[in-house]
């Protein structure tokens, strides 16, 4: 068995050596001070994050898909980010997918032993029919998870683009990937518990990656969620407020326009701002791959 004690994520944190002797308030302060490092880690990884966004957006624009692969906390964070894309950006569930060691059952009950099976990672890539148009993001806080490495190996064999996300320096765990993202947050407050800072910084990185990709794909207008899936009261209210903010409509008029567009905010905006019927608005949007800004410029003759 390999000794993993040299990995940054396994080392002891000198700032929390007496964690069990601290008052509750002192303990909270230690967590808070250590969590500040997650934001700095994202700043240090800004270039590689931007590369991953550009790579992924280009692949999805050509009909590819984005896969997150991981085990334990890392895998669950990938599944979470994938699950949030359809309601936020009205994407199909197939566009962004999370692959978790142990499958759906591992979401609710820890199946940590499964991360040691590199063959299972390879099988998962084959089962999802990954192709050269796809992007596979391997997520492993300590960088060594066999399941993730097996998946990345299989992805490369399929010709897919690969992204690696880890919280250890590249010299500790070197990996060959198209984009190598290192989120260096240092040792955990609770030594080795990577659900803490490593989990937090991974969630931040995935937020940036998926949201950045959707911006590139034209699913955002300004900073508005114009491709929101209007599936409940909260989201209908958000859609109506977007229409009000971007037009001269009052709330009642915005509600009527939303219904006329079959609850499609982008279609509603093109209808109103360009003076088009729904079918024509949908046509001009489709011609521009759903990019609202470009569609509006064309429809308004700019």
Protein backbone atom coordinates (compact mmCIF):
# COMPACT_ATOMS: atom_id res chain seq x y z
CA UNK A 1 0.00 0.00 0.00
CA UNK A 2 1.37 3.39 -0.98
CA UNK A 3 2.02 5.94 1.78
CA UNK A 4 -0.04 9.03 0.91
CA UNK A 5 1.21 11.09 3.84
CA UNK A 6 3.23 13.39 1.57
CA UNK A 7 0.10 14.68 -0.17
CA UNK A 8 -0.88 18.20 0.81
CA UNK A 9 -4.46 17.12 1.50
CA UNK A 10 -3.25 14.50 4.01
CA UNK A 11 -0.89 16.70 6.00
CA UNK A 12 -1.49 18.10 9.44
CA UNK A 13 -2.63 21.73 9.74
CA UNK A 14 -0.59 23.60 12.38
CA UNK A 15 -3.39 26.13 12.82
CA UNK A 16 -5.77 23.50 14.21
CA UNK A 17 -3.42 21.22 16.15
CA UNK A 18 -5.48 21.70 19.33
CA UNK A 19 -8.90 21.63 17.67
CA UNK A 20 -10.47 19.49 20.37
CA UNK A 21 -9.35 21.94 23.08
CA UNK A 22 -10.76 25.10 21.51
CA UNK A 23 -13.92 26.83 22.63
CA UNK A 24 -16.78 26.58 20.17
CA UNK A 25 -16.29 30.16 19.04
CA UNK A 26 -12.55 29.68 18.64
CA UNK A 27 -13.20 26.56 16.58
CA UNK A 28 -15.59 28.43 14.27
CA UNK A 29 -12.97 31.15 13.85
CA UNK A 30 -10.34 28.60 12.81
CA UNK A 31 -12.66 27.15 10.18
CA UNK A 32 -13.48 30.61 8.90
CA UNK A 33 -9.84 31.67 8.69
CA UNK A 34 -8.90 28.50 6.82
CA UNK A 35 -11.86 28.82 4.45
CA UNK A 36 -10.51 32.19 3.29
CA UNK A 37 -7.88 30.22 1.41
CA UNK A 38 -10.46 28.80 -0.99
CA UNK A 39 -11.00 32.16 -2.66
CA UNK A 40 -7.25 32.69 -3.04
CA UNK A 41 -6.93 29.22 -4.57
CA UNK A 42 -9.52 30.07 -7.21
CA UNK A 43 -7.60 33.25 -8.05
CA UNK A 44 -4.41 31.24 -8.50
CA UNK A 45 -6.21 28.82 -10.83
CA UNK A 46 -7.90 31.53 -12.93
CA UNK A 47 -5.95 30.81 -16.11
CA UNK A 48 -6.60 27.08 -16.10
CA UNK A 49 -10.26 27.65 -15.23
CA UNK A 50 -10.59 29.98 -18.21
CA UNK A 51 -8.94 27.37 -20.44
CA UNK A 52 -11.40 24.73 -19.22
CA UNK A 53 -14.35 27.03 -19.92
CA UNK A 54 -13.18 27.78 -23.46
CA UNK A 55 -12.41 24.14 -24.19
CA UNK A 56 -15.76 22.93 -22.88
CA UNK A 57 -17.83 25.64 -24.55
CA UNK A 58 -16.21 24.87 -27.90
CA UNK A 59 -16.94 21.16 -27.51
CA UNK A 60 -20.56 21.66 -26.45
CA UNK A 61 -21.07 24.08 -29.31
CA UNK A 62 -20.11 21.23 -31.65
CA UNK A 63 -22.59 18.81 -30.09
CA UNK A 64 -20.41 17.43 -27.32
CA UNK A 65 -21.26 16.76 -23.69
CA UNK A 66 -19.63 17.56 -20.35
CA UNK A 67 -19.00 14.74 -17.88
CA UNK A 68 -17.87 15.15 -14.28
CA UNK A 69 -16.25 12.02 -12.83
CA UNK A 70 -15.40 11.47 -9.18
CA UNK A 71 -15.79 9.43 -6.02
CA UNK A 72 -17.03 10.43 -2.60
CA UNK A 73 -17.38 14.16 -1.98
CA UNK A 74 -15.71 15.06 -5.28
CA UNK A 75 -18.10 12.88 -7.26
CA UNK A 76 -21.17 14.14 -5.40
CA UNK A 77 -20.18 17.73 -6.13
CA UNK A 78 -19.96 16.87 -9.82
CA UNK A 79 -23.41 15.28 -9.74
CA UNK A 80 -24.78 18.34 -7.94
CA UNK A 81 -23.40 20.77 -10.50
CA UNK A 82 -24.72 18.66 -13.37
CA UNK A 83 -28.17 18.40 -11.78
CA UNK A 84 -28.43 22.17 -11.42
CA UNK A 85 -27.78 22.95 -15.10
CA UNK A 86 -31.22 21.96 -16.52
CA UNK A 87 -33.30 24.24 -14.24
CA UNK A 88 -30.81 27.11 -14.40
CA UNK A 89 -30.00 27.04 -18.11
CA UNK A 90 -32.80 24.92 -19.60
CA UNK A 91 -30.29 22.37 -20.85
CA UNK A 92 -31.12 18.74 -21.49
CA UNK A 93 -30.08 16.35 -18.68
CA UNK A 94 -27.69 14.72 -21.17
CA UNK A 95 -25.64 17.87 -21.83
CA UNK A 96 -23.91 17.94 -18.43
CA UNK A 97 -23.70 14.66 -16.54
CA UNK A 98 -22.18 13.53 -13.27
CA UNK A 99 -20.58 10.10 -13.00
CA UNK A 100 -20.16 8.97 -9.39
CA UNK A 101 -18.33 5.87 -8.24
CA UNK A 102 -21.06 3.60 -6.92
CA UNK A 103 -23.80 5.26 -8.94
CA UNK A 104 -26.96 6.81 -7.50
CA UNK A 105 -26.78 4.75 -4.31
CA UNK A 106 -23.49 6.44 -3.41
CA UNK A 107 -25.23 9.81 -3.27
CA UNK A 108 -26.98 8.81 -0.05
CA UNK A 109 -24.67 6.18 1.40
CA UNK A 110 -20.90 6.43 1.31
CA UNK A 111 -19.25 3.84 -0.94
CA UNK A 112 -15.65 4.90 -0.51
CA UNK A 113 -14.15 1.48 -1.36
CA UNK A 114 -15.40 1.88 -4.91
CA UNK A 115 -12.93 4.69 -5.60
CA UNK A 116 -10.10 2.15 -5.69
CA UNK A 117 -11.47 0.49 -8.84
CA UNK A 118 -9.84 2.06 -11.87
CA UNK A 119 -11.55 -0.49 -14.09
CA UNK A 120 -14.93 0.74 -12.91
CA UNK A 121 -13.97 4.25 -14.00
CA UNK A 122 -13.06 2.97 -17.46
CA UNK A 123 -16.32 1.01 -17.66
CA UNK A 124 -18.32 4.11 -16.76
CA UNK A 125 -16.82 6.07 -19.65
CA UNK A 126 -17.61 3.23 -22.05
CA UNK A 127 -21.15 2.90 -20.66
CA UNK A 128 -21.81 6.60 -21.28
CA UNK A 129 -20.59 6.25 -24.86
CA UNK A 130 -18.08 9.09 -24.54
CA UNK A 131 -16.77 10.34 -27.89
CA UNK A 132 -14.14 12.72 -29.23
CA UNK A 133 -16.63 15.58 -29.04
CA UNK A 134 -17.05 15.26 -25.27
CA UNK A 135 -15.20 16.73 -22.30
CA UNK A 136 -14.46 14.60 -19.23
CA UNK A 137 -13.55 16.38 -15.99
CA UNK A 138 -11.86 14.17 -13.42
CA UNK A 139 -12.29 15.46 -9.86
CA UNK A 140 -10.15 14.10 -7.03
CA UNK A 141 -9.11 16.23 -4.06
CA UNK A 142 -5.99 14.20 -3.27
CA UNK A 143 -5.27 13.60 -6.93
CA UNK A 144 -4.78 9.83 -6.70
CA UNK A 145 -8.27 8.30 -6.94
CA UNK A 146 -7.95 5.22 -9.22
CA UNK A 147 -11.60 5.46 -10.36
CA UNK A 148 -10.95 8.96 -11.73
CA UNK A 149 -7.66 8.04 -13.37
CA UNK A 150 -9.26 5.03 -14.98
CA UNK A 151 -12.03 7.22 -16.36
CA UNK A 152 -9.56 9.77 -17.73
CA UNK A 153 -7.50 7.04 -19.38
CA UNK A 154 -10.60 5.66 -21.09
CA UNK A 155 -11.70 9.17 -22.09
CA UNK A 156 -8.36 9.81 -23.79
CA UNK A 157 -8.66 6.51 -25.63
CA UNK A 158 -12.03 7.73 -26.92
CA UNK A 159 -10.39 10.95 -28.11
CA UNK A 160 -12.32 13.08 -25.63
CA UNK A 161 -10.91 16.26 -24.12
CA UNK A 162 -9.86 15.90 -20.48
CA UNK A 163 -9.74 18.24 -17.51
CA UNK A 164 -8.18 17.33 -14.16
CA UNK A 165 -9.15 19.02 -10.88
CA UNK A 166 -7.17 18.34 -7.71
CA UNK A 167 -6.12 20.06 -4.50
CA UNK A 168 -2.51 18.91 -4.50
CA UNK A 169 0.44 20.45 -6.40
CA UNK A 170 1.25 19.00 -9.82
CA UNK A 171 4.67 17.83 -8.62
CA UNK A 172 2.99 15.58 -6.03
CA UNK A 173 0.60 13.99 -8.52
CA UNK A 174 1.56 14.72 -12.14
CA UNK A 175 -1.23 14.06 -14.66
CA UNK A 176 -1.54 14.37 -18.41
CA UNK A 177 -4.72 16.24 -19.27
CA UNK A 178 -5.71 18.96 -21.72
CA UNK A 179 -6.32 21.29 -18.77
CA UNK A 180 -4.82 20.76 -15.31
CA UNK A 181 -6.58 22.72 -12.54
CA UNK A 182 -4.88 22.75 -9.15
CA UNK A 183 -6.83 24.26 -6.26
CA UNK A 184 -4.25 24.62 -3.51
CA UNK A 185 -5.97 25.27 -0.18
CA UNK A 186 -3.46 23.58 2.13
CA UNK A 187 -4.04 20.97 4.83
CA UNK A 188 -7.55 20.58 6.24
CA UNK A 189 -8.63 21.78 9.69
CA UNK A 190 -9.50 18.15 10.36
CA UNK A 191 -6.47 16.40 8.86
CA UNK A 192 -7.35 14.49 5.70
CA UNK A 193 -11.04 15.46 5.67
CA UNK A 194 -11.26 16.81 2.13
CA UNK A 195 -15.01 17.41 2.38
CA UNK A 196 -13.94 20.67 4.08
CA UNK A 197 -11.77 23.24 2.24
CA UNK A 198 -11.12 20.94 -0.70
CA UNK A 199 -14.84 20.36 -1.09
CA UNK A 200 -15.61 24.06 -0.81
CA UNK A 201 -13.03 25.12 -3.39
CA UNK A 202 -14.14 22.35 -5.74
CA UNK A 203 -17.73 23.60 -5.55
CA UNK A 204 -16.50 27.11 -6.33
CA UNK A 205 -14.53 25.87 -9.33
CA UNK A 206 -17.43 23.84 -10.72
CA UNK A 207 -19.76 26.83 -10.29
CA UNK A 208 -17.38 28.95 -12.36
CA UNK A 209 -16.81 26.25 -14.96
CA UNK A 210 -20.43 25.39 -15.71
CA UNK A 211 -21.73 28.96 -15.47
CA UNK A 212 -18.87 30.27 -17.62
CA UNK A 213 -19.60 27.64 -20.25
CA UNK A 214 -23.29 28.55 -20.33
CA UNK A 215 -22.42 32.24 -20.71
CA UNK A 216 -20.24 31.32 -23.69
CA UNK A 217 -23.13 29.31 -25.15
CA UNK A 218 -25.43 32.34 -25.06
CA UNK A 219 -27.63 31.17 -22.21
CA UNK A 220 -27.06 34.39 -20.28
CA UNK A 221 -27.92 37.96 -21.26
CA UNK A 222 -25.93 40.50 -19.27
CA UNK A 223 -26.05 38.70 -15.95
CA UNK A 224 -29.61 37.48 -16.41
CA UNK A 225 -30.72 33.86 -16.37
CA UNK A 226 -32.66 34.21 -19.62
CA UNK A 227 -32.74 30.47 -20.34
CA UNK A 228 -34.33 29.66 -16.99
CA UNK A 229 -36.75 26.74 -16.99
CA UNK A 230 -40.02 28.16 -15.64
CA UNK A 231 -41.13 25.12 -13.67
CA UNK A 232 -42.39 26.55 -10.37
CA UNK A 233 -43.71 29.72 -8.75
CA UNK A 234 -40.28 31.04 -7.78
CA UNK A 235 -38.91 30.61 -11.28
CA UNK A 236 -42.00 32.17 -12.88
CA UNK A 237 -41.54 35.19 -10.63
CA UNK A 238 -37.87 35.39 -11.65
CA UNK A 239 -38.78 35.16 -15.32
CA UNK A 240 -41.36 37.92 -14.99
CA UNK A 241 -38.88 40.18 -13.21
CA UNK A 242 -36.31 39.59 -15.94
CA UNK A 243 -38.86 40.66 -18.53
CA UNK A 244 -39.77 43.74 -16.51
CA UNK A 245 -36.16 44.72 -15.99
CA UNK A 246 -35.24 44.37 -19.66
CA UNK A 247 -38.38 45.95 -21.12
CA UNK A 248 -40.88 48.69 -20.36
CA UNK A 249 -43.54 46.21 -19.24
CA UNK A 250 -45.32 46.18 -15.91
CA UNK A 251 -45.77 42.94 -13.98
CA UNK A 252 -49.15 42.04 -15.50
CA UNK A 253 -47.90 42.68 -19.01
CA UNK A 254 -44.76 40.67 -18.34
CA UNK A 255 -46.90 37.76 -17.15
CA UNK A 256 -49.01 37.89 -20.31
CA UNK A 257 -45.94 38.03 -22.54
CA UNK A 258 -44.39 35.09 -20.72
CA UNK A 259 -47.52 33.01 -21.35
CA UNK A 260 -47.60 34.06 -25.00
CA UNK A 261 -44.01 32.81 -25.40
CA UNK A 262 -44.87 29.44 -23.81
CA UNK A 263 -42.75 30.37 -20.77
CA UNK A 264 -39.62 31.00 -22.83
CA UNK A 265 -37.93 34.17 -21.58
CA UNK A 266 -35.62 34.60 -24.58
CA UNK A 267 -38.48 34.16 -27.01
CA UNK A 268 -40.56 36.65 -25.04
CA UNK A 269 -37.78 39.23 -25.18
CA UNK A 270 -37.30 38.89 -28.93
CA UNK A 271 -41.08 39.08 -29.44
CA UNK A 272 -41.36 42.30 -27.48
CA UNK A 273 -38.11 44.08 -28.33
CA UNK A 274 -38.14 43.19 -32.04
CA UNK A 275 -41.91 43.23 -32.52
CA UNK A 276 -42.10 39.65 -33.78
CA UNK A 277 -44.64 36.88 -33.40
CA UNK A 278 -43.59 33.83 -31.40
CA UNK A 279 -42.79 31.64 -34.41
CA UNK A 280 -40.60 34.33 -35.98
CA UNK A 281 -38.85 35.01 -32.67
CA UNK A 282 -38.11 31.31 -32.23
CA UNK A 283 -36.79 31.12 -35.77
CA UNK A 284 -34.33 33.97 -35.38
CA UNK A 285 -33.12 32.56 -32.05
CA UNK A 286 -32.66 29.11 -33.55
CA UNK A 287 -30.66 30.59 -36.41
CA UNK A 288 -28.24 32.06 -33.85
CA UNK A 289 -28.03 28.92 -31.70
CA UNK A 290 -30.12 30.58 -29.01
CA UNK A 291 -27.79 33.54 -28.50
CA UNK A 292 -30.18 36.28 -27.42
CA UNK A 293 -27.83 39.22 -27.89
CA UNK A 294 -26.97 38.27 -31.47
CA UNK A 295 -30.58 37.35 -32.28
CA UNK A 296 -31.82 40.72 -31.04
CA UNK A 297 -29.22 42.61 -33.02
CA UNK A 298 -30.27 40.81 -36.21
CA UNK A 299 -34.02 41.07 -35.53
CA UNK A 300 -33.71 44.80 -34.80
CA UNK A 301 -31.55 45.39 -37.87
CA UNK A 302 -28.53 46.58 -35.93
